[in-house]
Protein backbone atom coordinates (compact mmCIF):
# COMPACT_ATOMS: atom_id res chain seq x y z
CA MET A 1 -3.24 46.90 -52.33
CA THR A 2 -0.36 47.94 -50.17
CA GLY A 3 0.08 45.86 -47.02
CA VAL A 4 0.51 47.49 -43.64
CA SER A 5 4.21 47.94 -42.96
CA GLY A 6 5.80 46.37 -39.89
CA SER A 7 4.38 43.71 -37.63
CA VAL A 8 1.13 43.48 -35.70
CA SER A 9 1.46 44.88 -32.20
CA PRO A 10 0.87 42.66 -29.15
CA ASP A 11 -2.26 44.69 -28.42
CA ARG A 12 -3.51 44.09 -31.95
CA ARG A 13 -2.85 40.34 -31.65
CA ARG A 14 -4.76 40.14 -28.36
CA PHE A 15 -7.62 42.06 -29.96
CA LEU A 16 -7.85 39.62 -32.87
CA THR A 17 -7.39 36.42 -30.90
CA ALA A 18 -9.70 37.23 -28.03
CA GLY A 19 -12.44 38.34 -30.37
CA ALA A 20 -12.78 41.87 -29.05
CA ALA A 21 -14.79 40.96 -25.98
CA VAL A 22 -14.72 44.52 -24.68
CA LEU A 23 -15.91 45.97 -27.96
CA GLY A 24 -18.53 43.25 -28.17
CA ALA A 25 -19.89 44.10 -24.74
CA ALA A 26 -20.03 47.78 -25.60
CA ALA A 27 -21.67 47.03 -28.92
CA SER A 28 -24.45 45.04 -27.27
CA ALA A 29 -25.93 48.40 -26.37
CA GLN A 30 -26.24 49.15 -30.11
CA LEU A 31 -29.56 47.60 -30.99
CA TRP A 32 -29.38 46.53 -34.61
CA LEU A 33 -32.94 45.17 -34.77
CA PRO A 34 -36.22 46.67 -33.53
CA SER A 35 -37.06 45.76 -29.95
CA ALA A 36 -40.12 43.76 -31.03
CA ALA A 37 -37.95 41.55 -33.23
CA ARG A 38 -35.46 41.03 -30.42
CA ALA A 39 -38.21 40.12 -27.99
CA ALA A 40 -39.44 37.46 -30.40
CA GLU A 41 -36.06 35.72 -30.47
CA THR A 42 -35.80 32.43 -28.60
CA PRO A 43 -32.52 32.46 -26.68
CA LEU A 44 -29.82 30.22 -28.07
CA PRO A 45 -27.22 28.28 -26.10
CA ASP A 46 -24.15 30.24 -25.06
CA GLY A 47 -21.05 30.12 -27.25
CA VAL A 48 -22.71 30.17 -30.68
CA PHE A 49 -19.60 31.86 -32.18
CA SER A 50 -17.17 29.17 -31.00
CA LEU A 51 -15.81 28.74 -34.55
CA GLY A 52 -14.95 32.39 -35.00
CA VAL A 53 -15.32 34.47 -38.15
CA ALA A 54 -13.68 34.60 -41.56
CA SER A 55 -13.78 36.42 -44.88
CA GLY A 56 -12.82 35.42 -48.39
CA ASP A 57 -12.69 35.87 -52.16
CA PRO A 58 -12.12 39.65 -52.14
CA LEU A 59 -13.45 41.72 -55.06
CA PRO A 60 -12.82 45.42 -55.72
CA ASP A 61 -16.30 46.15 -54.35
CA GLY A 62 -17.04 43.18 -52.15
CA VAL A 63 -16.04 40.28 -49.94
CA VAL A 64 -17.65 37.20 -48.38
CA LEU A 65 -18.17 37.26 -44.61
CA TRP A 66 -18.50 33.91 -42.81
CA THR A 67 -19.41 32.39 -39.50
CA ARG A 68 -21.13 29.23 -38.31
CA LEU A 69 -23.32 29.01 -35.23
CA ALA A 70 -22.07 26.05 -33.19
CA PRO A 71 -22.38 26.16 -29.39
CA ASP A 72 -21.42 22.44 -29.25
CA PRO A 73 -19.01 22.29 -32.19
CA LEU A 74 -17.71 18.71 -31.85
CA ASN A 75 -21.18 17.17 -31.51
CA GLY A 76 -22.98 18.33 -34.62
CA GLY A 77 -23.07 21.99 -33.64
CA GLY A 78 -25.68 21.97 -30.89
CA MET A 79 -28.14 24.33 -32.59
CA PRO A 80 -31.94 23.97 -32.57
CA ASP A 81 -33.44 22.60 -35.78
CA ARG A 82 -34.74 25.92 -37.08
CA VAL A 83 -33.70 28.89 -39.18
CA VAL A 84 -31.98 31.60 -37.13
CA SER A 85 -31.68 35.25 -38.16
CA VAL A 86 -28.15 36.57 -37.73
CA GLU A 87 -27.35 40.28 -37.88
CA TRP A 88 -24.12 41.39 -39.54
CA GLU A 89 -22.32 44.69 -39.75
CA ILE A 90 -19.25 45.95 -41.62
CA ALA A 91 -17.49 49.23 -40.88
CA GLU A 92 -14.47 51.32 -41.81
CA ASP A 93 -13.09 51.24 -38.26
CA GLU A 94 -12.64 48.55 -35.64
CA ARG A 95 -14.93 50.33 -33.14
CA PHE A 96 -17.77 50.42 -35.69
CA ARG A 97 -18.21 54.18 -35.44
CA LYS A 98 -18.21 54.35 -39.27
CA PRO A 99 -20.58 51.56 -40.35
CA VAL A 100 -20.99 51.14 -44.10
CA ARG A 101 -23.27 48.08 -44.48
CA ARG A 102 -25.48 46.00 -42.20
CA GLY A 103 -28.18 43.42 -42.66
CA VAL A 104 -29.68 40.12 -41.58
CA ALA A 105 -28.65 36.68 -42.87
CA GLN A 106 -30.40 33.36 -42.37
CA ALA A 107 -28.48 30.54 -40.69
CA ARG A 108 -30.23 27.40 -41.92
CA PRO A 109 -30.02 23.97 -40.30
CA GLU A 110 -29.66 22.25 -43.69
CA LEU A 111 -26.38 24.17 -44.12
CA GLY A 112 -25.12 23.57 -40.60
CA HIS A 113 -26.25 27.05 -39.48
CA SER A 114 -23.40 28.52 -41.50
CA VAL A 115 -23.62 32.13 -42.63
CA HIS A 116 -22.20 33.44 -45.91
CA VAL A 117 -22.77 37.16 -46.53
CA ASP A 118 -21.67 38.39 -49.96
CA VAL A 119 -21.24 42.08 -49.15
CA ARG A 120 -21.09 44.46 -52.13
CA ARG A 121 -20.85 48.24 -52.77
CA LEU A 122 -17.62 48.51 -50.81
CA ARG A 123 -14.65 50.64 -51.83
CA PRO A 124 -11.62 49.06 -53.57
CA GLY A 125 -8.35 48.51 -51.77
CA ARG A 126 -9.80 49.28 -48.34
CA THR A 127 -9.60 47.64 -44.94
CA TYR A 128 -12.90 46.90 -43.19
CA TRP A 129 -14.01 45.37 -39.89
CA TYR A 130 -17.06 43.14 -39.46
CA ARG A 131 -19.00 41.20 -36.83
CA PHE A 132 -22.17 39.18 -36.29
CA ARG A 133 -24.84 39.25 -33.59
CA VAL A 134 -27.54 36.78 -32.58
CA SER A 135 -29.57 36.16 -29.43
CA GLY A 136 -27.66 38.78 -27.47
CA GLN A 137 -24.30 37.27 -28.38
CA ILE A 138 -21.71 39.13 -30.46
CA SER A 139 -19.06 37.42 -32.52
CA PRO A 140 -15.34 38.12 -32.50
CA THR A 141 -14.51 41.09 -34.73
CA GLY A 142 -12.98 40.26 -38.08
CA ARG A 143 -10.78 42.36 -40.33
CA THR A 144 -10.84 42.07 -44.12
CA ARG A 145 -9.75 43.91 -47.24
CA THR A 146 -11.16 44.44 -50.71
CA ALA A 147 -9.16 43.95 -53.91
CA PRO A 148 -7.63 46.97 -55.66
CA HIS A 149 -9.52 49.04 -58.22
CA PRO A 150 -9.80 47.15 -61.57
CA THR A 151 -7.57 49.69 -63.34
CA SER A 152 -4.95 49.89 -60.58
CA SER A 153 -1.55 48.70 -61.79
CA GLY A 154 0.93 49.73 -59.09
CA GLY A 155 1.47 49.28 -55.39
CA ARG A 156 2.24 46.07 -53.54
CA LEU A 157 0.13 42.96 -53.03
CA ARG A 158 1.19 40.80 -50.09
CA MET A 159 0.04 37.17 -50.26
CA ALA A 160 0.64 34.22 -47.94
CA LEU A 161 0.60 30.66 -49.33
CA ALA A 162 -0.52 27.87 -46.98
CA SER A 163 -1.57 24.22 -47.21
CA CYS A 164 -1.64 20.87 -45.43
CA GLN A 165 -2.60 21.34 -41.79
CA ASN A 166 -2.84 17.99 -40.02
CA TRP A 167 -4.33 18.41 -36.53
CA GLN A 168 -2.63 15.28 -35.20
CA HIS A 169 0.84 16.21 -36.47
CA GLY A 170 1.07 19.46 -34.56
CA TRP A 171 -0.23 22.88 -33.63
CA PHE A 172 -0.80 25.39 -36.40
CA THR A 173 1.95 27.67 -35.09
CA PRO A 174 3.02 29.11 -38.49
CA TYR A 175 -0.20 31.15 -38.52
CA ALA A 176 1.01 33.16 -35.50
CA ASP A 177 3.93 34.42 -37.59
CA MET A 178 1.70 34.91 -40.62
CA LEU A 179 -0.51 37.17 -38.51
CA ASP A 180 2.52 39.33 -37.71
CA GLN A 181 3.42 39.59 -41.42
CA ASP A 182 -0.06 40.99 -42.16
CA PRO A 183 -0.76 39.67 -45.68
CA ASP A 184 -3.46 41.25 -47.84
CA PHE A 185 -4.88 37.75 -48.36
CA VAL A 186 -4.12 34.08 -47.77
CA LEU A 187 -4.11 31.55 -50.61
CA PHE A 188 -4.86 28.11 -49.16
CA VAL A 189 -4.37 25.34 -51.73
CA GLY A 190 -5.65 22.23 -50.03
CA ASP A 191 -5.76 19.74 -47.16
CA TYR A 192 -7.55 22.03 -44.71
CA ILE A 193 -8.58 18.95 -42.72
CA TYR A 194 -7.36 15.37 -42.73
CA GLU A 195 -9.85 12.54 -42.88
CA SER A 196 -7.55 10.12 -41.02
CA THR A 197 -8.64 8.17 -37.96
CA PRO A 198 -7.77 9.32 -34.43
CA SER A 199 -4.24 8.43 -33.34
CA ALA A 200 -3.13 7.95 -29.75
CA THR A 201 0.44 8.92 -30.69
CA GLY A 202 -0.34 12.28 -32.31
CA VAL A 203 0.53 15.67 -30.85
CA ARG A 204 -3.25 16.23 -30.79
CA ARG A 205 -5.98 13.66 -31.33
CA HIS A 206 -8.68 13.77 -33.99
CA GLU A 207 -12.23 13.81 -32.69
CA GLY A 208 -14.53 10.87 -33.33
CA THR A 209 -13.77 7.16 -33.60
CA GLY A 210 -12.75 6.75 -37.24
CA GLU A 211 -12.65 8.46 -40.61
CA PRO A 212 -15.55 10.83 -41.40
CA PHE A 213 -18.10 9.55 -43.91
CA SER A 214 -21.36 11.29 -42.95
CA LEU A 215 -22.18 15.00 -43.02
CA VAL A 216 -22.23 15.23 -39.21
CA GLN A 217 -18.83 13.53 -39.01
CA TYR A 218 -17.28 15.94 -41.53
CA ARG A 219 -18.85 18.88 -39.70
CA ASN A 220 -17.29 17.74 -36.44
CA ARG A 221 -13.87 17.36 -38.04
CA TYR A 222 -13.98 20.86 -39.57
CA ALA A 223 -15.22 22.30 -36.29
CA GLN A 224 -12.30 20.77 -34.43
CA TYR A 225 -9.80 22.32 -36.85
CA ARG A 226 -11.52 25.70 -36.57
CA THR A 227 -10.84 25.75 -32.82
CA ASP A 228 -7.06 26.03 -33.32
CA PRO A 229 -6.33 29.51 -31.90
CA ASP A 230 -3.71 30.57 -34.47
CA LEU A 231 -5.86 29.44 -37.39
CA ALA A 232 -8.87 31.28 -35.95
CA ALA A 233 -6.86 34.48 -35.49
CA MET A 234 -5.52 34.37 -39.05
CA HIS A 235 -9.01 33.82 -40.46
CA ALA A 236 -10.15 36.89 -38.50
CA ASN A 237 -7.30 39.06 -39.80
CA ALA A 238 -7.38 38.75 -43.62
CA PRO A 239 -9.51 37.35 -46.43
CA TRP A 240 -8.74 33.83 -47.61
CA VAL A 241 -8.92 32.33 -51.10
CA VAL A 242 -9.36 28.58 -50.67
CA THR A 243 -9.51 25.40 -52.67
CA PHE A 244 -9.43 21.74 -51.61
CA ASP A 245 -7.18 18.80 -52.38
CA ASP A 246 -7.74 15.16 -51.45
CA HIS A 247 -7.79 14.95 -47.64
CA GLU A 248 -10.93 17.06 -47.41
CA VAL A 249 -12.59 13.92 -48.81
CA ASP A 250 -10.39 10.82 -49.16
CA ASN A 251 -6.66 10.40 -49.79
CA ASP A 252 -5.73 10.40 -53.51
CA PHE A 253 -9.32 10.27 -54.76
CA ALA A 254 -9.92 11.13 -58.43
CA GLY A 255 -13.35 12.37 -59.55
CA ASP A 256 -15.80 9.85 -58.13
CA ILE A 257 -13.16 7.14 -57.69
CA PRO A 258 -11.93 6.57 -54.12
CA GLN A 259 -8.44 5.56 -53.11
CA ASP A 260 -9.68 2.03 -52.36
CA PRO A 261 -12.62 1.15 -54.70
CA ASP A 262 -12.67 -2.41 -53.34
CA LYS A 263 -13.57 -1.03 -49.90
CA GLN A 264 -15.78 1.93 -50.92
CA PRO A 265 -18.51 0.98 -53.42
CA HIS A 266 -19.42 3.68 -55.93
CA ASP A 267 -22.74 4.66 -54.36
CA ALA A 268 -21.19 4.86 -50.91
CA PHE A 269 -18.35 7.06 -52.19
CA VAL A 270 -20.79 9.37 -53.99
CA ALA A 271 -22.60 9.79 -50.66
CA ARG A 272 -19.25 10.53 -49.01
CA LEU A 273 -18.39 13.13 -51.66
CA THR A 274 -21.79 14.76 -51.14
CA ALA A 275 -21.23 15.00 -47.38
CA ALA A 276 -17.62 16.18 -47.69
CA TYR A 277 -18.37 18.93 -50.22
CA GLN A 278 -21.30 20.24 -48.21
CA ALA A 279 -19.24 20.39 -45.01
CA TYR A 280 -16.47 22.13 -46.96
CA TYR A 281 -18.85 24.82 -48.18
CA GLU A 282 -20.33 25.25 -44.72
CA HIS A 283 -16.90 26.02 -43.23
CA MET A 284 -15.30 28.14 -45.96
CA PRO A 285 -15.75 31.86 -46.80
CA VAL A 286 -16.85 31.26 -50.39
CA ARG A 287 -19.69 32.58 -52.52
CA ALA A 288 -23.03 30.93 -53.21
CA SER A 289 -21.64 29.75 -56.56
CA ALA A 290 -19.89 27.07 -54.46
CA VAL A 291 -23.07 25.66 -52.91
CA PRO A 292 -22.69 21.96 -53.77
CA ASN A 293 -24.96 20.12 -56.14
CA GLY A 294 -24.87 16.67 -54.60
CA PRO A 295 -21.41 15.16 -55.24
CA HIS A 296 -20.22 18.23 -57.21
CA ILE A 297 -18.97 21.64 -56.12
CA GLN A 298 -17.85 24.60 -58.26
CA MET A 299 -14.45 25.67 -56.97
CA TYR A 300 -12.29 26.73 -59.91
CA ARG A 301 -12.62 30.48 -60.27
CA ARG A 302 -10.69 33.63 -61.06
CA LEU A 303 -9.90 36.66 -58.90
CA GLU A 304 -8.48 39.98 -60.10
CA PHE A 305 -6.15 42.25 -58.15
CA GLY A 306 -6.27 45.28 -60.40
CA ARG A 307 -3.97 45.08 -63.41
CA LEU A 308 -1.21 43.84 -61.12
CA ALA A 309 -2.27 40.19 -60.76
CA ARG A 310 -4.85 37.69 -61.99
CA LEU A 311 -5.28 34.57 -59.84
CA SER A 312 -6.75 31.42 -61.41
CA VAL A 313 -7.69 28.91 -58.70
CA LEU A 314 -7.78 25.33 -59.96
CA ASP A 315 -9.67 22.20 -58.97
CA THR A 316 -7.36 19.25 -59.65
CA ARG A 317 -9.56 16.59 -58.02
CA GLN A 318 -13.10 16.59 -59.40
CA TYR A 319 -12.38 16.35 -63.10
CA ARG A 320 -9.21 14.29 -63.27
CA SER A 321 -8.78 10.83 -64.74
CA ASP A 322 -7.87 8.06 -62.34
CA GLN A 323 -4.15 8.01 -61.57
CA ALA A 324 -1.77 6.08 -63.80
CA LYS A 325 0.15 3.16 -62.36
CA SER A 326 3.17 3.16 -64.67
CA GLN A 327 5.39 5.44 -66.75
CA GLU A 328 3.62 4.28 -69.88
CA GLY A 329 0.25 5.06 -68.31
CA ALA A 330 1.39 8.52 -67.24
CA GLN A 331 2.12 9.30 -70.91
CA ASP A 332 -1.38 8.32 -72.07
CA PRO A 333 -2.72 11.33 -74.03
CA SER A 334 -6.29 10.62 -72.91
CA LEU A 335 -5.53 11.34 -69.24
CA THR A 336 -6.64 14.71 -67.91
CA MET A 337 -6.01 16.56 -64.67
CA LEU A 338 -8.37 19.46 -65.33
CA GLY A 339 -11.11 18.12 -67.59
CA ALA A 340 -11.90 19.73 -70.93
CA GLU A 341 -14.08 22.57 -69.62
CA GLN A 342 -11.75 23.71 -66.83
CA LYS A 343 -8.71 23.43 -69.09
CA GLN A 344 -10.31 25.70 -71.70
CA TRP A 345 -11.36 28.13 -68.97
CA LEU A 346 -7.78 28.28 -67.70
CA LEU A 347 -6.28 28.78 -71.15
CA ASP A 348 -8.77 31.50 -72.05
CA GLY A 349 -7.99 33.31 -68.80
CA LEU A 350 -4.25 33.13 -69.44
CA ARG A 351 -4.37 34.09 -73.11
CA HIS A 352 -6.55 37.15 -72.62
CA SER A 353 -5.23 38.38 -69.29
CA PRO A 354 -4.57 42.10 -68.87
CA ALA A 355 -2.56 41.46 -65.70
CA ARG A 356 1.13 41.94 -65.13
CA TRP A 357 1.34 38.65 -63.20
CA ASN A 358 -0.65 35.54 -64.09
CA MET A 359 -0.84 33.45 -60.94
CA ILE A 360 -2.22 29.91 -60.72
CA GLY A 361 -3.28 28.16 -57.52
CA SER A 362 -2.69 24.44 -58.13
CA GLN A 363 -3.14 21.89 -55.37
CA ILE A 364 -0.73 19.47 -57.07
CA MET A 365 2.91 20.05 -58.09
CA MET A 366 3.42 20.92 -61.77
CA ALA A 367 7.21 20.73 -61.99
CA GLU A 368 8.74 17.29 -62.47
CA THR A 369 9.85 15.22 -59.49
CA ASP A 370 12.22 12.50 -60.67
CA LEU A 371 12.64 10.20 -57.68
CA LYS A 372 15.10 7.84 -59.37
CA VAL A 373 18.77 8.64 -58.90
CA GLY A 374 20.66 8.25 -62.18
CA GLU A 375 19.29 6.98 -65.46
CA GLY A 376 15.55 6.66 -65.95
CA LYS A 377 12.55 8.32 -64.30
CA LEU A 378 10.33 7.56 -61.34
CA TRP A 379 7.34 9.84 -60.79
CA TYR A 380 4.54 10.58 -58.34
CA TYR A 381 1.52 9.60 -60.42
CA ASP A 382 -0.90 11.59 -58.25
CA ALA A 383 0.85 14.85 -59.23
CA TRP A 384 1.10 16.47 -62.67
CA ASP A 385 3.91 13.99 -63.43
CA GLY A 386 1.15 11.41 -63.84
CA TYR A 387 -0.54 13.49 -66.57
CA GLN A 388 2.42 14.12 -68.84
CA VAL A 389 0.70 15.02 -72.10
CA GLU A 390 -1.70 17.56 -70.60
CA ARG A 391 1.11 19.11 -68.57
CA GLY A 392 3.28 19.36 -71.68
CA ALA A 393 0.51 21.19 -73.51
CA LEU A 394 0.03 23.55 -70.57
CA MET A 395 3.77 24.29 -70.39
CA GLY A 396 3.67 25.14 -74.08
CA GLU A 397 0.87 27.62 -73.39
CA LEU A 398 2.69 29.18 -70.42
CA LYS A 399 5.53 30.05 -72.80
CA LYS A 400 3.16 32.57 -74.42
CA VAL A 401 1.81 34.01 -71.15
CA ARG A 402 3.07 37.11 -69.38
CA ASN A 403 4.82 36.30 -66.09
CA PRO A 404 3.18 33.00 -65.07
CA VAL A 405 3.76 31.85 -61.48
CA VAL A 406 2.23 28.71 -59.94
CA PHE A 407 1.49 28.31 -56.22
CA THR A 408 1.09 24.77 -54.94
CA GLY A 409 0.75 22.59 -51.84
CA ASP A 410 0.40 18.85 -51.19
CA ARG A 411 4.04 17.83 -50.75
CA HIS A 412 4.64 18.88 -47.12
CA LEU A 413 7.93 20.28 -48.43
CA THR A 414 9.22 23.54 -49.79
CA MET A 415 10.01 22.71 -53.43
CA ILE A 416 10.69 25.80 -55.53
CA SER A 417 11.34 25.20 -59.22
CA ASP A 418 11.61 26.55 -62.71
CA LEU A 419 8.79 25.35 -64.94
CA LYS A 420 10.24 23.86 -68.13
CA GLU A 421 8.65 23.53 -71.53
CA ASP A 422 9.78 19.89 -71.79
CA TYR A 423 11.23 18.02 -68.82
CA ALA A 424 12.49 15.26 -71.13
CA ASP A 425 14.84 17.83 -72.69
CA PRO A 426 17.34 19.33 -70.20
CA GLY A 427 17.95 22.22 -72.57
CA SER A 428 14.31 23.20 -73.01
CA ALA A 429 13.07 26.71 -72.24
CA VAL A 430 12.08 27.93 -68.78
CA VAL A 431 8.46 29.09 -69.04
CA GLY A 432 7.60 30.07 -65.47
CA ALA A 433 8.15 29.54 -61.76
CA GLU A 434 6.49 27.28 -59.18
CA PHE A 435 6.42 27.65 -55.41
CA VAL A 436 5.40 24.45 -53.66
CA GLY A 437 4.70 25.66 -50.14
CA THR A 438 5.61 23.52 -47.18
CA SER A 439 2.93 22.29 -44.79
CA ILE A 440 1.52 24.14 -41.82
CA SER A 441 1.87 21.02 -39.65
CA SER A 442 1.69 17.83 -41.77
CA ASN A 443 4.70 15.52 -41.20
CA GLY A 444 5.36 17.34 -37.91
CA ASP A 445 8.87 18.26 -36.85
CA GLN A 446 10.80 16.39 -39.51
CA ASP A 447 14.30 14.95 -39.09
CA GLN A 448 16.24 17.33 -41.33
CA ALA A 449 19.35 15.14 -41.60
CA ALA A 450 17.29 12.13 -42.68
CA PHE A 451 15.42 14.28 -45.17
CA HIS A 452 18.58 15.56 -46.83
CA LYS A 453 20.12 12.09 -46.88
CA GLU A 454 17.09 10.88 -48.85
CA TRP A 455 16.54 13.88 -51.14
CA ASP A 456 19.93 15.48 -51.83
CA PRO A 457 21.07 12.63 -54.11
CA ARG A 458 18.10 13.46 -56.38
CA LEU A 459 19.16 17.07 -56.98
CA PRO A 460 21.35 16.32 -60.05
CA ASP A 461 18.37 14.59 -61.70
CA ASN A 462 16.14 17.61 -61.05
CA PRO A 463 18.25 20.64 -62.07
CA HIS A 464 15.09 22.79 -62.25
CA TRP A 465 14.75 22.61 -58.43
CA LYS A 466 16.01 25.83 -56.86
CA LEU A 467 15.25 25.13 -53.19
CA LEU A 468 14.29 22.03 -51.24
CA ASP A 469 13.47 21.99 -47.51
CA ALA A 470 11.40 20.05 -44.97
CA HIS A 471 10.64 22.58 -42.21
CA ARG A 472 7.05 23.49 -41.37
CA GLY A 473 5.77 26.95 -42.29
CA TYR A 474 4.40 28.91 -45.23
CA HIS A 475 5.55 31.20 -48.06
CA LEU A 476 5.13 35.00 -48.13
CA PHE A 477 5.09 37.03 -51.35
CA ASP A 478 5.37 40.74 -52.03
CA ILE A 479 4.09 41.25 -55.57
CA ARG A 480 5.00 44.44 -57.43
CA ARG A 481 5.16 45.36 -61.11
CA ASP A 482 8.91 44.75 -61.38
CA GLY A 483 9.04 41.44 -59.53
CA ILE A 484 7.85 39.08 -56.83
CA ASP A 485 9.93 38.87 -53.66
CA ALA A 486 9.34 35.62 -51.80
CA GLN A 487 10.21 34.51 -48.29
CA VAL A 488 10.17 30.94 -47.03
CA ARG A 489 8.97 31.42 -43.45
CA ILE A 490 9.53 28.48 -41.10
CA VAL A 491 9.01 27.64 -37.42
CA ASP A 492 11.26 25.61 -35.16
CA THR A 493 8.47 23.35 -33.91
CA VAL A 494 4.78 22.50 -34.22
CA ARG A 495 4.82 20.18 -31.21
CA GLN A 496 3.86 22.96 -28.81
CA GLN A 497 1.59 25.99 -28.93
CA SER A 498 4.36 28.54 -29.38
CA ALA A 499 7.25 28.52 -31.82
CA THR A 500 10.14 30.64 -33.02
CA PRO A 501 9.76 31.80 -36.64
CA SER A 502 12.52 32.71 -39.07
CA THR A 503 13.19 33.29 -42.75
CA LEU A 504 14.82 30.23 -44.27
CA ALA A 505 15.37 31.79 -47.70
CA ARG A 506 14.53 34.71 -49.95
CA LEU A 507 13.82 34.31 -53.64
CA ARG A 508 12.83 36.57 -56.51
CA VAL A 509 10.95 36.31 -59.76
CA GLU A 510 11.82 39.16 -62.15
CA ALA A 511 9.07 40.49 -64.40
CA GLY A 512 9.79 39.51 -68.00
CA ARG A 513 12.30 36.80 -67.01
CA PRO A 514 10.74 33.32 -66.57
CA GLY A 515 11.91 31.30 -63.60
CA VAL A 516 12.97 31.98 -60.02
CA GLU A 517 16.29 32.67 -58.31
CA VAL A 518 17.48 32.39 -54.72
CA VAL A 519 18.55 35.83 -53.51
């Protein structure tokens, strides 16, 4: 799945961001439905494609295409309360002169008039273009790519790692640079929205009057995030593989336990989970297997990129035990992050993998973070540090796995580490590598001097850390059989709509040699 070399041209960027208005106007002459069917359509309000288009979860022969009809996106969507037929088309060229599949999908009011088309019978390792049409309106044109052939073992796979985009903390400027780097797919590991209340002091202000609790409120929050121009352009340029963390629902929730059980009774929080998961599905390019069942959603899943890479995407929120509150509690063997079923699924996928690289998308940091300078330990109990026994067992399994690499979010920092078999033993074996990607915008433009004053004294107590930084941005990976070359891409600001990107650091993971090194 070789990425396109070089950067995206200015013309290409304008094409993606503007939504191909010229092509759309020309395409309106192509009548996808019989004239009788078109005549029967009741016109919809203008601007039904305000939230853009997206694709996701690429397979060798398929991909999910997404849009949501929302002419009034911040007020519930603004669609009539009826099912709407939406035409879709996918082609081998951006002018749609070589169409390969087309059809009609139903945008239903009970799913926020979202559209999820699971297109199959495509060719592996190919770039495609797609669009939607309804009521005389044509969507922006999206670009996507299928996974390599199942037996393919060579080439290059380019992946971008992103997480933690807080609307109020800044613009999502790192995506403009990501667009130029042209990844084959984006792995987003959580905190797509933030459920926090509107702030008068933020760079941008959240919609609404408080935290979202109802389905309409969550829909409005997602819709607001989807209007960020750089995020919309990146969604339209490559398929995404997504999972959620806590802020898509409620900070630091665990299973069906909220952060503040004294303020959110169980029944009320179950209703909140139900609303949050449905809104998440409605706004993400995921398959029908992720249609929520009340307060539950199936998100852990596995994607194959030929024999080069297997990606196991975790769900570290729905099945976990409530967080520990002490070191002794964190060492309780009954605590679980994954739950028994997901843990067995992960282990089976690792033990029997045919892939050269075994990649794990984990919302929460696996490597230890010892916050206490000097003797003793102080941990974040919400991370894997709070589930010591299960993490220890997983590290023991990774020792037997070929080339394991973990990709994580949550911290709003770049924290790149060796994974150790036993963090209580400084001499224990290195079993893998972990890249904790920094945030897209969360924490805003951080004071770098203050950050290093706080964190540098902790480095001697965490010798497995290879790189620590507090700039905003994302990580970019070029995955080949012999190694993974990583770049930490940062921007100078998220306080304005444009920013200057740069490469903070380059790192490499060598095949057959656990751990990661700064180049």
